[in-house]
């Protein structure tokens, strides 16, 4: 994820990002390599941003 996309917020919904996280864990067989861990960390940051955006929008 580029810094620009982080500044603008997530363009995907939390559900979409969560599905990608789940797929990553399935592909990895429950054990993440260093590269997969880095991808996971980026996805979690994106997921958290999407959740925050949903909460702000609901308020």
C-alpha atoms as a PDB file:
ATOM      1  CA  UNK A   1       0.000   0.000   0.000  1.00  0.00           C
ATOM      2  CA  UNK A   2       1.411   3.358  -0.934  1.00  0.00           C
ATOM      3  CA  UNK A   3       1.544   6.289   1.474  1.00  0.00           C
ATOM      4  CA  UNK A   4      -0.903   8.130  -0.806  1.00  0.00           C
ATOM      5  CA  UNK A   5      -3.541   5.439  -0.443  1.00  0.00           C
ATOM      6  CA  UNK A   6      -3.047   5.426   3.327  1.00  0.00           C
ATOM      7  CA  UNK A   7      -3.567   9.189   3.454  1.00  0.00           C
ATOM      8  CA  UNK A   8      -6.804   8.919   1.461  1.00  0.00           C
ATOM      9  CA  UNK A   9      -8.071   5.987   3.508  1.00  0.00           C
ATOM     10  CA  UNK A  10      -9.099   2.565   2.376  1.00  0.00           C
ATOM     11  CA  UNK A  11     -10.932   2.315  -0.921  1.00  0.00           C
ATOM     12  CA  UNK A  12     -12.052  -1.200  -0.046  1.00  0.00           C
ATOM     13  CA  UNK A  13     -14.552  -2.127   2.609  1.00  0.00           C
ATOM     14  CA  UNK A  14     -13.472  -3.757   5.839  1.00  0.00           C
ATOM     15  CA  UNK A  15     -15.280  -6.910   4.707  1.00  0.00           C
ATOM     16  CA  UNK A  16     -13.285  -7.032   1.465  1.00  0.00           C
ATOM     17  CA  UNK A  17      -9.980  -6.603   3.281  1.00  0.00           C
ATOM     18  CA  UNK A  18     -11.000  -9.164   5.903  1.00  0.00           C
ATOM     19  CA  UNK A  19     -11.714 -11.667   3.131  1.00  0.00           C
ATOM     20  CA  UNK A  20      -8.231 -11.061   1.700  1.00  0.00           C
ATOM     21  CA  UNK A  21      -6.705 -11.588   5.157  1.00  0.00           C
ATOM     22  CA  UNK A  22      -8.588 -14.874   5.515  1.00  0.00           C
ATOM     23  CA  UNK A  23      -7.465 -15.992   2.053  1.00  0.00           C
ATOM     24  CA  UNK A  24      -3.853 -15.179   2.928  1.00  0.00           C
ATOM     25  CA  UNK A  25      -4.032 -17.382   6.036  1.00  0.00           C
ATOM     26  CA  UNK A  26      -5.594 -20.232   4.038  1.00  0.00           C
ATOM     27  CA  UNK A  27      -2.926 -19.964   1.301  1.00  0.00           C
ATOM     28  CA  UNK A  28      -0.198 -19.887   3.948  1.00  0.00           C
ATOM     29  CA  UNK A  29      -1.557 -22.939   5.725  1.00  0.00           C
ATOM     30  CA  UNK A  30      -1.632 -21.124   9.054  1.00  0.00           C
ATOM     31  CA  UNK A  31       2.071 -20.197   9.105  1.00  0.00           C
ATOM     32  CA  UNK A  32       3.151 -16.947   7.485  1.00  0.00           C
ATOM     33  CA  UNK A  33       6.513 -16.452   5.800  1.00  0.00           C
ATOM     34  CA  UNK A  34       8.307 -13.139   6.290  1.00  0.00           C
ATOM     35  CA  UNK A  35       6.856 -11.826   3.016  1.00  0.00           C
ATOM     36  CA  UNK A  36       3.352 -13.021   3.932  1.00  0.00           C
ATOM     37  CA  UNK A  37       3.690 -11.458   7.375  1.00  0.00           C
ATOM     38  CA  UNK A  38       4.538  -8.111   5.775  1.00  0.00           C
ATOM     39  CA  UNK A  39       1.487  -8.442   3.501  1.00  0.00           C
ATOM     40  CA  UNK A  40      -0.643  -9.377   6.517  1.00  0.00           C
ATOM     41  CA  UNK A  41       0.525  -6.329   8.459  1.00  0.00           C
ATOM     42  CA  UNK A  42      -0.381  -4.019   5.564  1.00  0.00           C
ATOM     43  CA  UNK A  43      -3.784  -5.660   5.255  1.00  0.00           C
ATOM     44  CA  UNK A  44      -4.474  -5.265   8.972  1.00  0.00           C
ATOM     45  CA  UNK A  45      -3.606  -1.556   8.774  1.00  0.00           C
ATOM     46  CA  UNK A  46      -5.928  -1.190   5.766  1.00  0.00           C
ATOM     47  CA  UNK A  47      -8.677  -3.140   7.565  1.00  0.00           C
ATOM     48  CA  UNK A  48      -8.369  -0.923  10.662  1.00  0.00           C
ATOM     49  CA  UNK A  49      -8.598   2.212   8.505  1.00  0.00           C
ATOM     50  CA  UNK A  50     -11.722   0.859   6.818  1.00  0.00           C
ATOM     51  CA  UNK A  51     -13.290   0.083  10.214  1.00  0.00           C
ATOM     52  CA  UNK A  52     -12.495   3.605  11.445  1.00  0.00           C
ATOM     53  CA  UNK A  53     -14.008   5.098   8.289  1.00  0.00           C
ATOM     54  CA  UNK A  54     -17.179   3.049   8.854  1.00  0.00           C
ATOM     55  CA  UNK A  55     -17.428   4.243  12.454  1.00  0.00           C
ATOM     56  CA  UNK A  56     -16.889   7.888  11.503  1.00  0.00           C
ATOM     57  CA  UNK A  57     -19.447   7.605   8.701  1.00  0.00           C
ATOM     58  CA  UNK A  58     -21.975   6.041  11.108  1.00  0.00           C
ATOM     59  CA  UNK A  59     -21.490   8.874  13.593  1.00  0.00           C
END
